[in-house]
Amino acid sequence: MAENTTLNATVRAGTGKGAARAARRENLVPGVIYGGGEEPTPINVKFNELFKMLKAGHFLSTLLTLNVDGKEQRVICRGVQRNVINDLPTHVDFLRLSGKSRINLMIPVVFLNEETSVGIKKGGTLVVVRNEVELKVTANNIPDHLEVDLADVELGDTIHMSDVTLPEGTRPMIQDRDFVIANIAAPRGLTAEEEAEDAEAEAAAAAASAEAATEE
């Protein structure tokens, strides 16, 4: 099961613009938790904590534990309203999750057996194109990470999304193409040597073809 991030919150007394303005004056961001078969709960979160998470990126696809006055709730953010002038958060919406909820999350990719990889032993370099992938997952079956085994990956091989085994009920959000996760790049010297060998072989073939044509 994937680890998640904890964000502290408090129940907000009162609703409406007046209560929201009062929260902002105290350096808090008003918000609401809804869904999960329960009534919506108005809350406040600390501006600094929320802003830090927003700057980290992928906030809308990050699994969160919202600690509301000591009561933990599993949620995902469904919207952040921002000030039109300074782009700072002014309101945040969270969706409660049940075990059957389907959500989009960024899942990290872990590369195994790099030290024993066939291609890397030949001098290749692991080039990571995506170190995390956005997946559609079920809330009660969220993987900690995706694994890519490099043991048998050869020099010049490319690893695509289709090469990665996904947990049951999970799919990538990008489905219109088999995107690249990583590849084992050949060292420059080896690449130049291979190109020279290919050029030499092509030249030899061309010479043989010319010679055969002359004899005819």
N, C-alpha and C. Protein backbone atom coordinates (compact mmCIF):
# COMPACT_ATOMS: atom_id res chain seq x y z
N MET A 1 0.83 -1.19 0.00
CA MET A 1 0.00 0.00 0.00
C MET A 1 0.87 1.25 0.00
N ALA A 2 0.50 2.22 -0.79
CA ALA A 2 1.31 3.42 -0.91
C ALA A 2 1.27 4.25 0.37
N GLU A 3 2.43 4.84 0.66
CA GLU A 3 2.47 5.79 1.75
C GLU A 3 1.77 7.06 1.31
N ASN A 4 1.24 7.82 2.30
CA ASN A 4 0.63 9.07 1.92
C ASN A 4 1.15 10.20 2.79
N THR A 5 0.72 11.40 2.49
CA THR A 5 1.18 12.60 3.16
C THR A 5 0.12 13.08 4.12
N THR A 6 0.55 13.53 5.29
CA THR A 6 -0.39 14.01 6.30
C THR A 6 -0.46 15.53 6.28
N LEU A 7 -1.67 16.03 6.30
CA LEU A 7 -1.92 17.47 6.38
C LEU A 7 -2.86 17.71 7.56
N ASN A 8 -2.48 18.61 8.45
CA ASN A 8 -3.31 18.91 9.62
C ASN A 8 -4.37 19.95 9.30
N ALA A 9 -5.52 19.81 9.94
CA ALA A 9 -6.63 20.74 9.73
C ALA A 9 -7.45 20.85 11.01
N THR A 10 -8.27 21.86 11.05
CA THR A 10 -9.21 22.04 12.17
C THR A 10 -10.59 22.31 11.60
N VAL A 11 -11.62 21.90 12.34
CA VAL A 11 -12.99 22.18 11.91
C VAL A 11 -13.22 23.69 12.00
N ARG A 12 -13.79 24.24 10.95
CA ARG A 12 -14.05 25.68 10.91
C ARG A 12 -15.41 25.98 11.48
N ALA A 13 -15.44 26.88 12.46
CA ALA A 13 -16.70 27.30 13.06
C ALA A 13 -17.38 28.30 12.13
N GLY A 14 -18.55 27.97 11.68
CA GLY A 14 -19.27 28.88 10.79
C GLY A 14 -18.90 28.64 9.34
N THR A 15 -19.80 29.05 8.46
CA THR A 15 -19.56 28.93 7.03
C THR A 15 -19.82 30.28 6.38
N GLY A 16 -19.60 30.35 5.11
CA GLY A 16 -19.84 31.60 4.40
C GLY A 16 -18.60 32.46 4.28
N LYS A 17 -18.76 33.60 3.60
CA LYS A 17 -17.63 34.47 3.31
C LYS A 17 -17.00 35.05 4.56
N GLY A 18 -17.83 35.38 5.56
CA GLY A 18 -17.30 35.98 6.78
C GLY A 18 -16.34 35.06 7.50
N ALA A 19 -16.73 33.79 7.65
CA ALA A 19 -15.86 32.82 8.32
C ALA A 19 -14.60 32.55 7.51
N ALA A 20 -14.74 32.55 6.19
CA ALA A 20 -13.59 32.32 5.32
C ALA A 20 -12.60 33.49 5.43
N ARG A 21 -13.11 34.71 5.44
CA ARG A 21 -12.23 35.87 5.57
C ARG A 21 -11.51 35.86 6.91
N ALA A 22 -12.24 35.49 7.96
CA ALA A 22 -11.63 35.43 9.29
C ALA A 22 -10.49 34.41 9.32
N ALA A 23 -10.68 33.29 8.64
CA ALA A 23 -9.64 32.26 8.58
C ALA A 23 -8.40 32.80 7.87
N ARG A 24 -8.60 33.49 6.76
CA ARG A 24 -7.46 34.01 6.00
C ARG A 24 -6.69 35.05 6.79
N ARG A 25 -7.39 35.83 7.61
CA ARG A 25 -6.70 36.83 8.44
C ARG A 25 -5.78 36.17 9.46
N GLU A 26 -6.08 34.90 9.80
CA GLU A 26 -5.27 34.15 10.75
C GLU A 26 -4.25 33.27 10.05
N ASN A 27 -4.00 33.57 8.77
CA ASN A 27 -3.04 32.82 7.96
C ASN A 27 -3.45 31.36 7.78
N LEU A 28 -4.76 31.16 7.65
CA LEU A 28 -5.32 29.84 7.39
C LEU A 28 -6.02 29.86 6.03
N VAL A 29 -6.15 28.68 5.43
CA VAL A 29 -6.87 28.55 4.17
C VAL A 29 -8.14 27.75 4.44
N PRO A 30 -9.31 28.34 4.18
CA PRO A 30 -10.56 27.60 4.39
C PRO A 30 -10.73 26.51 3.35
N GLY A 31 -11.44 25.47 3.73
CA GLY A 31 -11.68 24.38 2.80
C GLY A 31 -12.88 23.56 3.23
N VAL A 32 -13.12 22.48 2.52
CA VAL A 32 -14.24 21.60 2.83
C VAL A 32 -13.85 20.17 2.49
N ILE A 33 -14.36 19.22 3.28
CA ILE A 33 -14.23 17.80 2.97
C ILE A 33 -15.62 17.29 2.64
N TYR A 34 -15.77 16.58 1.52
CA TYR A 34 -17.08 16.08 1.14
C TYR A 34 -16.97 14.66 0.62
N GLY A 35 -18.12 14.02 0.41
CA GLY A 35 -18.14 12.66 -0.14
C GLY A 35 -18.02 11.61 0.93
N GLY A 36 -17.91 10.36 0.50
CA GLY A 36 -17.76 9.25 1.43
C GLY A 36 -19.01 8.94 2.22
N GLY A 37 -20.17 9.41 1.75
CA GLY A 37 -21.41 9.13 2.45
C GLY A 37 -21.61 9.94 3.72
N GLU A 38 -20.81 10.99 3.90
CA GLU A 38 -20.93 11.85 5.08
C GLU A 38 -21.25 13.28 4.66
N GLU A 39 -21.71 14.05 5.65
CA GLU A 39 -22.00 15.45 5.38
C GLU A 39 -20.70 16.23 5.14
N PRO A 40 -20.74 17.26 4.31
CA PRO A 40 -19.55 18.10 4.12
C PRO A 40 -19.09 18.72 5.44
N THR A 41 -17.78 18.80 5.61
CA THR A 41 -17.20 19.38 6.83
C THR A 41 -16.35 20.58 6.47
N PRO A 42 -16.70 21.78 6.95
CA PRO A 42 -15.85 22.95 6.70
C PRO A 42 -14.60 22.89 7.58
N ILE A 43 -13.46 23.18 6.99
CA ILE A 43 -12.19 23.08 7.72
C ILE A 43 -11.30 24.27 7.41
N ASN A 44 -10.25 24.39 8.20
CA ASN A 44 -9.15 25.33 7.93
C ASN A 44 -7.85 24.55 7.94
N VAL A 45 -6.95 24.90 7.04
CA VAL A 45 -5.60 24.32 7.04
C VAL A 45 -4.60 25.47 7.11
N LYS A 46 -3.43 25.20 7.66
CA LYS A 46 -2.41 26.24 7.77
C LYS A 46 -1.88 26.58 6.38
N PHE A 47 -1.81 27.89 6.13
CA PHE A 47 -1.36 28.36 4.82
C PHE A 47 0.02 27.81 4.46
N ASN A 48 0.96 27.90 5.40
CA ASN A 48 2.35 27.50 5.11
C ASN A 48 2.44 26.02 4.75
N GLU A 49 1.69 25.17 5.48
CA GLU A 49 1.74 23.73 5.21
C GLU A 49 1.16 23.42 3.83
N LEU A 50 0.03 24.04 3.51
CA LEU A 50 -0.60 23.81 2.21
C LEU A 50 0.26 24.35 1.08
N PHE A 51 0.81 25.53 1.26
CA PHE A 51 1.62 26.16 0.21
C PHE A 51 2.85 25.31 -0.10
N LYS A 52 3.47 24.74 0.95
CA LYS A 52 4.64 23.90 0.77
C LYS A 52 4.30 22.67 -0.08
N MET A 53 3.14 22.07 0.17
CA MET A 53 2.72 20.89 -0.59
C MET A 53 2.39 21.27 -2.03
N LEU A 54 1.79 22.43 -2.22
CA LEU A 54 1.47 22.87 -3.57
C LEU A 54 2.74 23.09 -4.38
N LYS A 55 3.76 23.67 -3.76
CA LYS A 55 5.02 23.92 -4.45
C LYS A 55 5.73 22.62 -4.81
N ALA A 56 5.51 21.56 -4.02
CA ALA A 56 6.15 20.27 -4.28
C ALA A 56 5.63 19.63 -5.56
N GLY A 57 4.42 20.03 -6.00
CA GLY A 57 3.86 19.51 -7.24
C GLY A 57 2.98 18.29 -7.07
N HIS A 58 2.15 18.04 -8.07
CA HIS A 58 1.26 16.87 -8.12
C HIS A 58 0.30 16.81 -6.94
N PHE A 59 -0.08 17.96 -6.40
CA PHE A 59 -0.93 17.96 -5.20
C PHE A 59 -2.29 17.32 -5.49
N LEU A 60 -2.82 17.54 -6.69
CA LEU A 60 -4.14 17.00 -7.03
C LEU A 60 -4.12 15.49 -7.27
N SER A 61 -2.94 14.91 -7.34
CA SER A 61 -2.85 13.45 -7.53
C SER A 61 -1.99 12.82 -6.43
N THR A 62 -2.04 13.43 -5.24
CA THR A 62 -1.32 12.90 -4.08
C THR A 62 -2.30 12.40 -3.04
N LEU A 63 -2.10 11.17 -2.59
CA LEU A 63 -2.94 10.60 -1.55
C LEU A 63 -2.61 11.29 -0.22
N LEU A 64 -3.64 11.76 0.48
CA LEU A 64 -3.44 12.52 1.72
C LEU A 64 -4.17 11.89 2.89
N THR A 65 -3.56 12.00 4.06
CA THR A 65 -4.26 11.75 5.31
C THR A 65 -4.52 13.12 5.94
N LEU A 66 -5.78 13.47 6.04
CA LEU A 66 -6.15 14.75 6.61
C LEU A 66 -6.47 14.54 8.09
N ASN A 67 -5.66 15.12 8.95
CA ASN A 67 -5.83 15.00 10.40
C ASN A 67 -6.66 16.18 10.88
N VAL A 68 -7.96 15.94 11.08
CA VAL A 68 -8.89 17.00 11.47
C VAL A 68 -9.19 16.89 12.95
N ASP A 69 -8.54 17.74 13.73
CA ASP A 69 -8.72 17.73 15.19
C ASP A 69 -8.50 16.33 15.77
N GLY A 70 -7.48 15.64 15.28
CA GLY A 70 -7.14 14.33 15.80
C GLY A 70 -7.81 13.17 15.10
N LYS A 71 -8.77 13.43 14.23
CA LYS A 71 -9.46 12.37 13.48
C LYS A 71 -8.88 12.30 12.08
N GLU A 72 -8.32 11.15 11.71
CA GLU A 72 -7.69 11.00 10.41
C GLU A 72 -8.70 10.55 9.35
N GLN A 73 -8.62 11.18 8.20
CA GLN A 73 -9.47 10.84 7.08
C GLN A 73 -8.62 10.76 5.82
N ARG A 74 -8.88 9.73 5.04
CA ARG A 74 -8.13 9.55 3.79
C ARG A 74 -8.81 10.35 2.70
N VAL A 75 -8.07 11.24 2.06
CA VAL A 75 -8.67 12.14 1.09
C VAL A 75 -7.74 12.36 -0.10
N ILE A 76 -8.29 12.98 -1.11
CA ILE A 76 -7.50 13.49 -2.23
C ILE A 76 -8.06 14.86 -2.57
N CYS A 77 -7.18 15.78 -2.95
CA CYS A 77 -7.63 17.14 -3.26
C CYS A 77 -8.37 17.13 -4.60
N ARG A 78 -9.50 17.84 -4.62
CA ARG A 78 -10.28 17.93 -5.85
C ARG A 78 -10.37 19.35 -6.39
N GLY A 79 -9.67 20.28 -5.76
CA GLY A 79 -9.66 21.63 -6.30
C GLY A 79 -9.01 22.63 -5.36
N VAL A 80 -8.25 23.55 -5.94
CA VAL A 80 -7.63 24.64 -5.17
C VAL A 80 -7.98 25.95 -5.85
N GLN A 81 -8.69 26.81 -5.12
CA GLN A 81 -8.99 28.14 -5.65
C GLN A 81 -7.84 29.07 -5.28
N ARG A 82 -7.49 29.97 -6.20
CA ARG A 82 -6.35 30.86 -5.98
C ARG A 82 -6.74 32.31 -6.20
N ASN A 83 -5.99 33.18 -5.54
CA ASN A 83 -6.15 34.61 -5.72
C ASN A 83 -5.73 34.98 -7.15
N VAL A 84 -6.57 35.74 -7.85
CA VAL A 84 -6.29 36.06 -9.25
C VAL A 84 -5.10 37.00 -9.40
N ILE A 85 -4.71 37.67 -8.33
CA ILE A 85 -3.62 38.63 -8.41
C ILE A 85 -2.28 37.98 -8.09
N ASN A 86 -2.22 37.28 -6.94
CA ASN A 86 -0.93 36.71 -6.50
C ASN A 86 -0.84 35.20 -6.63
N ASP A 87 -1.93 34.56 -7.08
CA ASP A 87 -1.96 33.11 -7.32
C ASP A 87 -1.81 32.28 -6.04
N LEU A 88 -2.03 32.87 -4.89
CA LEU A 88 -1.93 32.14 -3.63
C LEU A 88 -3.25 31.43 -3.34
N PRO A 89 -3.21 30.28 -2.65
CA PRO A 89 -4.44 29.52 -2.40
C PRO A 89 -5.40 30.25 -1.47
N THR A 90 -6.67 30.24 -1.84
CA THR A 90 -7.70 30.90 -1.02
C THR A 90 -8.76 29.92 -0.53
N HIS A 91 -8.83 28.74 -1.13
CA HIS A 91 -9.82 27.73 -0.71
C HIS A 91 -9.38 26.38 -1.28
N VAL A 92 -9.69 25.31 -0.55
CA VAL A 92 -9.28 23.98 -1.01
C VAL A 92 -10.39 22.97 -0.73
N ASP A 93 -10.63 22.09 -1.69
CA ASP A 93 -11.67 21.05 -1.58
C ASP A 93 -11.03 19.68 -1.51
N PHE A 94 -11.51 18.84 -0.57
CA PHE A 94 -11.00 17.48 -0.43
C PHE A 94 -12.14 16.48 -0.57
N LEU A 95 -11.86 15.37 -1.24
CA LEU A 95 -12.82 14.28 -1.39
C LEU A 95 -12.45 13.13 -0.47
N ARG A 96 -13.39 12.72 0.38
CA ARG A 96 -13.17 11.53 1.21
C ARG A 96 -13.12 10.29 0.32
N LEU A 97 -12.27 9.35 0.70
CA LEU A 97 -12.12 8.14 -0.09
C LEU A 97 -12.66 6.93 0.64
N SER A 98 -13.38 6.10 -0.10
CA SER A 98 -13.77 4.78 0.41
C SER A 98 -12.85 3.76 -0.24
N GLY A 99 -12.94 2.52 0.21
CA GLY A 99 -12.07 1.48 -0.34
C GLY A 99 -12.26 1.25 -1.82
N LYS A 100 -13.44 1.58 -2.35
CA LYS A 100 -13.74 1.33 -3.76
C LYS A 100 -13.54 2.56 -4.63
N SER A 101 -13.13 3.67 -4.05
CA SER A 101 -12.94 4.89 -4.83
C SER A 101 -11.86 4.70 -5.88
N ARG A 102 -12.10 5.21 -7.08
CA ARG A 102 -11.11 5.18 -8.16
C ARG A 102 -10.52 6.58 -8.29
N ILE A 103 -9.20 6.67 -8.18
CA ILE A 103 -8.54 7.97 -8.18
C ILE A 103 -7.28 7.94 -9.05
N ASN A 104 -6.80 9.12 -9.41
CA ASN A 104 -5.55 9.25 -10.16
C ASN A 104 -4.44 9.61 -9.19
N LEU A 105 -3.34 8.86 -9.23
CA LEU A 105 -2.21 9.13 -8.35
C LEU A 105 -0.90 9.00 -9.11
N MET A 106 0.10 9.79 -8.70
CA MET A 106 1.44 9.66 -9.22
C MET A 106 2.17 8.57 -8.42
N ILE A 107 2.60 7.51 -9.09
CA ILE A 107 3.26 6.38 -8.43
C ILE A 107 4.73 6.34 -8.87
N PRO A 108 5.67 6.30 -7.91
CA PRO A 108 7.09 6.29 -8.27
C PRO A 108 7.50 4.98 -8.94
N VAL A 109 8.54 5.07 -9.77
CA VAL A 109 9.11 3.90 -10.45
C VAL A 109 10.45 3.57 -9.79
N VAL A 110 10.63 2.31 -9.42
CA VAL A 110 11.87 1.85 -8.79
C VAL A 110 12.57 0.89 -9.75
N PHE A 111 13.86 1.11 -9.96
CA PHE A 111 14.64 0.27 -10.88
C PHE A 111 15.48 -0.72 -10.08
N LEU A 112 15.28 -2.03 -10.36
CA LEU A 112 15.94 -3.10 -9.62
C LEU A 112 17.12 -3.67 -10.41
N ASN A 113 18.09 -4.22 -9.68
CA ASN A 113 19.23 -4.94 -10.26
C ASN A 113 20.05 -4.10 -11.24
N GLU A 114 20.18 -2.84 -10.94
CA GLU A 114 20.99 -1.97 -11.79
C GLU A 114 22.45 -2.42 -11.82
N GLU A 115 22.92 -2.93 -10.65
CA GLU A 115 24.32 -3.33 -10.55
C GLU A 115 24.63 -4.61 -11.33
N THR A 116 23.60 -5.40 -11.65
CA THR A 116 23.81 -6.65 -12.40
C THR A 116 23.26 -6.58 -13.82
N SER A 117 22.79 -5.43 -14.22
CA SER A 117 22.19 -5.28 -15.54
C SER A 117 23.20 -5.61 -16.65
N VAL A 118 22.77 -6.42 -17.62
CA VAL A 118 23.63 -6.81 -18.73
C VAL A 118 24.12 -5.58 -19.49
N GLY A 119 23.20 -4.68 -19.81
CA GLY A 119 23.57 -3.51 -20.59
C GLY A 119 24.48 -2.55 -19.85
N ILE A 120 24.24 -2.38 -18.56
CA ILE A 120 25.08 -1.47 -17.77
C ILE A 120 26.47 -2.06 -17.59
N LYS A 121 26.55 -3.39 -17.45
CA LYS A 121 27.87 -4.03 -17.33
C LYS A 121 28.70 -3.84 -18.60
N LYS A 122 28.03 -3.66 -19.73
CA LYS A 122 28.75 -3.44 -20.99
C LYS A 122 29.14 -1.98 -21.18
N GLY A 123 28.87 -1.16 -20.16
CA GLY A 123 29.24 0.25 -20.24
C GLY A 123 28.09 1.19 -20.48
N GLY A 124 26.87 0.65 -20.54
CA GLY A 124 25.71 1.49 -20.77
C GLY A 124 25.32 2.32 -19.55
N THR A 125 24.49 3.30 -19.77
CA THR A 125 24.02 4.18 -18.71
C THR A 125 22.50 4.15 -18.65
N LEU A 126 21.96 4.01 -17.44
CA LEU A 126 20.52 4.05 -17.28
C LEU A 126 20.04 5.49 -17.42
N VAL A 127 19.19 5.72 -18.41
CA VAL A 127 18.60 7.05 -18.61
C VAL A 127 17.12 6.96 -18.23
N VAL A 128 16.75 7.61 -17.14
CA VAL A 128 15.37 7.56 -16.64
C VAL A 128 14.57 8.68 -17.29
N VAL A 129 13.56 8.33 -18.03
CA VAL A 129 12.68 9.31 -18.67
C VAL A 129 11.54 9.69 -17.74
N ARG A 130 11.00 8.71 -17.02
CA ARG A 130 9.92 8.97 -16.05
C ARG A 130 10.26 8.25 -14.75
N ASN A 131 10.41 9.01 -13.67
CA ASN A 131 10.64 8.37 -12.37
C ASN A 131 9.35 8.20 -11.58
N GLU A 132 8.22 8.61 -12.18
CA GLU A 132 6.91 8.34 -11.62
C GLU A 132 5.89 8.37 -12.75
N VAL A 133 4.79 7.65 -12.54
CA VAL A 133 3.78 7.50 -13.58
C VAL A 133 2.41 7.76 -12.95
N GLU A 134 1.56 8.49 -13.67
CA GLU A 134 0.20 8.72 -13.17
C GLU A 134 -0.68 7.52 -13.53
N LEU A 135 -1.27 6.93 -12.50
CA LEU A 135 -2.11 5.75 -12.68
C LEU A 135 -3.52 6.00 -12.16
N LYS A 136 -4.47 5.29 -12.73
CA LYS A 136 -5.82 5.21 -12.18
C LYS A 136 -5.84 3.98 -11.28
N VAL A 137 -6.09 4.21 -9.98
CA VAL A 137 -6.00 3.11 -9.01
C VAL A 137 -7.26 3.07 -8.14
N THR A 138 -7.43 1.93 -7.48
CA THR A 138 -8.49 1.78 -6.48
C THR A 138 -7.91 2.14 -5.12
N ALA A 139 -8.67 2.89 -4.32
CA ALA A 139 -8.14 3.43 -3.06
C ALA A 139 -7.65 2.35 -2.10
N ASN A 140 -8.23 1.15 -2.16
CA ASN A 140 -7.78 0.10 -1.24
C ASN A 140 -6.70 -0.79 -1.84
N ASN A 141 -6.19 -0.41 -3.02
CA ASN A 141 -5.14 -1.21 -3.66
C ASN A 141 -4.16 -0.29 -4.38
N ILE A 142 -3.54 0.60 -3.60
CA ILE A 142 -2.62 1.58 -4.18
C ILE A 142 -1.18 1.07 -4.00
N PRO A 143 -0.44 0.87 -5.08
CA PRO A 143 0.93 0.37 -4.94
C PRO A 143 1.88 1.43 -4.38
N ASP A 144 2.85 0.96 -3.59
CA ASP A 144 3.90 1.88 -3.12
C ASP A 144 4.71 2.41 -4.29
N HIS A 145 4.98 1.53 -5.27
CA HIS A 145 5.82 1.89 -6.40
C HIS A 145 5.63 0.86 -7.50
N LEU A 146 6.16 1.17 -8.66
CA LEU A 146 6.22 0.23 -9.78
C LEU A 146 7.66 -0.24 -9.91
N GLU A 147 7.85 -1.52 -10.24
CA GLU A 147 9.20 -2.07 -10.32
C GLU A 147 9.59 -2.37 -11.76
N VAL A 148 10.82 -1.99 -12.09
CA VAL A 148 11.41 -2.32 -13.40
C VAL A 148 12.69 -3.09 -13.14
N ASP A 149 12.73 -4.36 -13.58
CA ASP A 149 13.90 -5.21 -13.37
C ASP A 149 14.87 -5.01 -14.54
N LEU A 150 16.08 -4.53 -14.22
CA LEU A 150 17.07 -4.23 -15.25
C LEU A 150 18.04 -5.37 -15.53
N ALA A 151 17.89 -6.49 -14.82
CA ALA A 151 18.88 -7.57 -14.90
C ALA A 151 19.16 -8.02 -16.33
N ASP A 152 18.12 -8.22 -17.13
CA ASP A 152 18.29 -8.76 -18.48
C ASP A 152 18.16 -7.69 -19.56
N VAL A 153 18.19 -6.45 -19.16
CA VAL A 153 18.04 -5.36 -20.14
C VAL A 153 19.39 -5.13 -20.83
N GLU A 154 19.37 -5.18 -22.15
CA GLU A 154 20.60 -5.08 -22.94
C GLU A 154 20.95 -3.63 -23.27
N LEU A 155 22.17 -3.45 -23.71
CA LEU A 155 22.64 -2.15 -24.17
C LEU A 155 21.76 -1.68 -25.33
N GLY A 156 21.25 -0.46 -25.23
CA GLY A 156 20.41 0.09 -26.29
C GLY A 156 18.94 -0.23 -26.15
N ASP A 157 18.57 -1.08 -25.18
CA ASP A 157 17.16 -1.42 -24.98
C ASP A 157 16.37 -0.25 -24.40
N THR A 158 15.10 -0.18 -24.79
CA THR A 158 14.19 0.84 -24.27
C THR A 158 13.07 0.16 -23.49
N ILE A 159 12.75 0.68 -22.33
CA ILE A 159 11.70 0.12 -21.49
C ILE A 159 10.46 0.99 -21.63
N HIS A 160 9.38 0.39 -22.10
CA HIS A 160 8.12 1.10 -22.28
C HIS A 160 7.14 0.78 -21.14
N MET A 161 6.06 1.52 -21.11
CA MET A 161 5.05 1.30 -20.07
C MET A 161 4.49 -0.11 -20.14
N SER A 162 4.38 -0.66 -21.34
CA SER A 162 3.84 -2.00 -21.51
C SER A 162 4.75 -3.08 -20.92
N ASP A 163 6.00 -2.72 -20.63
CA ASP A 163 6.94 -3.67 -20.04
C ASP A 163 6.82 -3.74 -18.52
N VAL A 164 6.03 -2.84 -17.93
CA VAL A 164 5.89 -2.76 -16.48
C VAL A 164 4.64 -3.50 -16.04
N THR A 165 4.78 -4.38 -15.06
CA THR A 165 3.64 -5.12 -14.52
C THR A 165 2.87 -4.23 -13.54
N LEU A 166 1.57 -4.07 -13.80
CA LEU A 166 0.74 -3.21 -12.96
C LEU A 166 -0.13 -4.06 -12.04
N PRO A 167 -0.45 -3.54 -10.84
CA PRO A 167 -1.36 -4.25 -9.95
C PRO A 167 -2.74 -4.41 -10.60
N GLU A 168 -3.47 -5.42 -10.18
CA GLU A 168 -4.80 -5.67 -10.73
C GLU A 168 -5.70 -4.45 -10.50
N GLY A 169 -6.47 -4.10 -11.51
CA GLY A 169 -7.38 -2.97 -11.39
C GLY A 169 -6.73 -1.62 -11.58
N THR A 170 -5.48 -1.62 -12.04
CA THR A 170 -4.72 -0.38 -12.21
C THR A 170 -4.38 -0.18 -13.68
N ARG A 171 -4.44 1.06 -14.14
CA ARG A 171 -4.08 1.35 -15.53
C ARG A 171 -3.41 2.72 -15.60
N PRO A 172 -2.54 2.93 -16.60
CA PRO A 172 -1.93 4.25 -16.76
C PRO A 172 -2.96 5.25 -17.29
N MET A 173 -2.83 6.50 -16.90
CA MET A 173 -3.74 7.53 -17.39
C MET A 173 -3.49 7.84 -18.86
N ILE A 174 -2.23 7.71 -19.30
CA ILE A 174 -1.93 7.88 -20.72
C ILE A 174 -2.13 6.54 -21.41
N GLN A 175 -3.11 6.45 -22.28
CA GLN A 175 -3.42 5.17 -22.92
C GLN A 175 -3.31 5.23 -24.45
N ASP A 176 -3.07 6.41 -24.98
CA ASP A 176 -3.03 6.52 -26.44
C ASP A 176 -1.66 6.21 -27.02
N ARG A 177 -0.66 5.97 -26.14
CA ARG A 177 0.66 5.59 -26.65
C ARG A 177 1.42 4.80 -25.59
N ASP A 178 2.33 3.97 -26.04
CA ASP A 178 3.16 3.16 -25.13
C ASP A 178 4.42 3.96 -24.81
N PHE A 179 4.31 4.84 -23.82
CA PHE A 179 5.38 5.80 -23.56
C PHE A 179 6.60 5.16 -22.92
N VAL A 180 7.74 5.84 -23.04
CA VAL A 180 9.03 5.34 -22.56
C VAL A 180 9.21 5.64 -21.08
N ILE A 181 9.70 4.63 -20.35
CA ILE A 181 10.02 4.80 -18.93
C ILE A 181 11.52 5.08 -18.77
N ALA A 182 12.34 4.31 -19.48
CA ALA A 182 13.80 4.47 -19.37
C ALA A 182 14.46 3.73 -20.53
N ASN A 183 15.77 3.91 -20.65
CA ASN A 183 16.53 3.14 -21.63
C ASN A 183 17.97 2.98 -21.14
N ILE A 184 18.67 2.03 -21.73
CA ILE A 184 20.09 1.83 -21.44
C ILE A 184 20.88 2.39 -22.61
N ALA A 185 21.45 3.57 -22.40
CA ALA A 185 22.16 4.25 -23.48
C ALA A 185 23.58 3.74 -23.61
N ALA A 186 24.02 3.56 -24.84
CA ALA A 186 25.40 3.13 -25.10
C ALA A 186 26.35 4.30 -24.86
N PRO A 187 27.56 4.03 -24.37
CA PRO A 187 28.55 5.10 -24.21
C PRO A 187 28.94 5.67 -25.56
N ARG A 188 29.36 6.93 -25.57
CA ARG A 188 29.65 7.61 -26.83
C ARG A 188 30.71 6.90 -27.65
N GLY A 189 31.74 6.43 -27.00
CA GLY A 189 32.82 5.76 -27.71
C GLY A 189 32.33 4.51 -28.41
N LEU A 190 31.52 3.74 -27.70
CA LEU A 190 31.00 2.50 -28.27
C LEU A 190 30.05 2.80 -29.43
N THR A 191 29.26 3.84 -29.28
CA THR A 191 28.33 4.21 -30.35
C THR A 191 29.09 4.61 -31.60
N ALA A 192 30.17 5.39 -31.42
CA ALA A 192 30.98 5.82 -32.57
C ALA A 192 31.62 4.61 -33.24
N GLU A 193 32.09 3.67 -32.41
CA GLU A 193 32.73 2.47 -32.95
C GLU A 193 31.73 1.65 -33.75
N GLU A 194 30.51 1.51 -33.22
CA GLU A 194 29.48 0.75 -33.92
C GLU A 194 29.13 1.42 -35.24
N GLU A 195 29.05 2.78 -35.22
CA GLU A 195 28.72 3.50 -36.44
C GLU A 195 29.82 3.31 -37.49
N ALA A 196 31.08 3.30 -37.02
CA ALA A 196 32.20 3.09 -37.94
C ALA A 196 32.14 1.70 -38.55
N GLU A 197 31.83 0.70 -37.72
CA GLU A 197 31.73 -0.67 -38.21
C GLU A 197 30.61 -0.80 -39.23
N ASP A 198 29.45 -0.12 -38.95
CA ASP A 198 28.33 -0.17 -39.87
C ASP A 198 28.70 0.48 -41.20
N ALA A 199 29.40 1.61 -41.11
CA ALA A 199 29.81 2.32 -42.33
C ALA A 199 30.78 1.47 -43.15
N GLU A 200 31.70 0.80 -42.44
CA GLU A 200 32.67 -0.07 -43.11
C GLU A 200 31.97 -1.23 -43.80
N ALA A 201 30.99 -1.80 -43.11
CA ALA A 201 30.25 -2.93 -43.69
C ALA A 201 29.46 -2.48 -44.92
N GLU A 202 28.85 -1.29 -44.83
CA GLU A 202 28.09 -0.77 -45.97
C GLU A 202 29.02 -0.51 -47.16
N ALA A 203 30.21 0.03 -46.86
CA ALA A 203 31.17 0.30 -47.93
C ALA A 203 31.63 -0.99 -48.60
N ALA A 204 31.88 -2.02 -47.78
CA ALA A 204 32.32 -3.31 -48.32
C ALA A 204 31.22 -3.91 -49.18
N ALA A 205 29.98 -3.78 -48.73
CA ALA A 205 28.86 -4.33 -49.50
C ALA A 205 28.71 -3.60 -50.82
N ALA A 206 28.89 -2.26 -50.77
CA ALA A 206 28.78 -1.47 -51.99
C ALA A 206 29.88 -1.83 -52.98
N ALA A 207 31.10 -2.05 -52.46
CA ALA A 207 32.23 -2.42 -53.32
C ALA A 207 32.00 -3.77 -53.95
N ALA A 208 31.48 -4.72 -53.16
CA ALA A 208 31.21 -6.06 -53.69
C ALA A 208 30.15 -6.00 -54.78
N SER A 209 29.14 -5.15 -54.56
CA SER A 209 28.07 -5.03 -55.54
C SER A 209 28.60 -4.42 -56.82
N ALA A 210 29.47 -3.41 -56.70
CA ALA A 210 30.06 -2.77 -57.89
C ALA A 210 30.93 -3.74 -58.66
N GLU A 211 31.68 -4.56 -57.93
CA GLU A 211 32.57 -5.54 -58.56
C GLU A 211 31.75 -6.58 -59.33
N ALA A 212 30.66 -6.99 -58.71
CA ALA A 212 29.81 -7.99 -59.37
C ALA A 212 29.20 -7.40 -60.64
N ALA A 213 28.81 -6.15 -60.60
CA ALA A 213 28.23 -5.49 -61.75
C ALA A 213 29.23 -5.37 -62.90
N THR A 214 30.51 -5.13 -62.54
CA THR A 214 31.58 -5.00 -63.55
C THR A 214 31.82 -6.32 -64.24
N GLU A 215 31.84 -7.39 -63.48
CA GLU A 215 32.07 -8.73 -64.06
C GLU A 215 30.98 -9.13 -65.02
N GLU A 216 29.75 -8.63 -64.74
CA GLU A 216 28.64 -8.96 -65.65
C GLU A 216 28.81 -8.23 -66.96
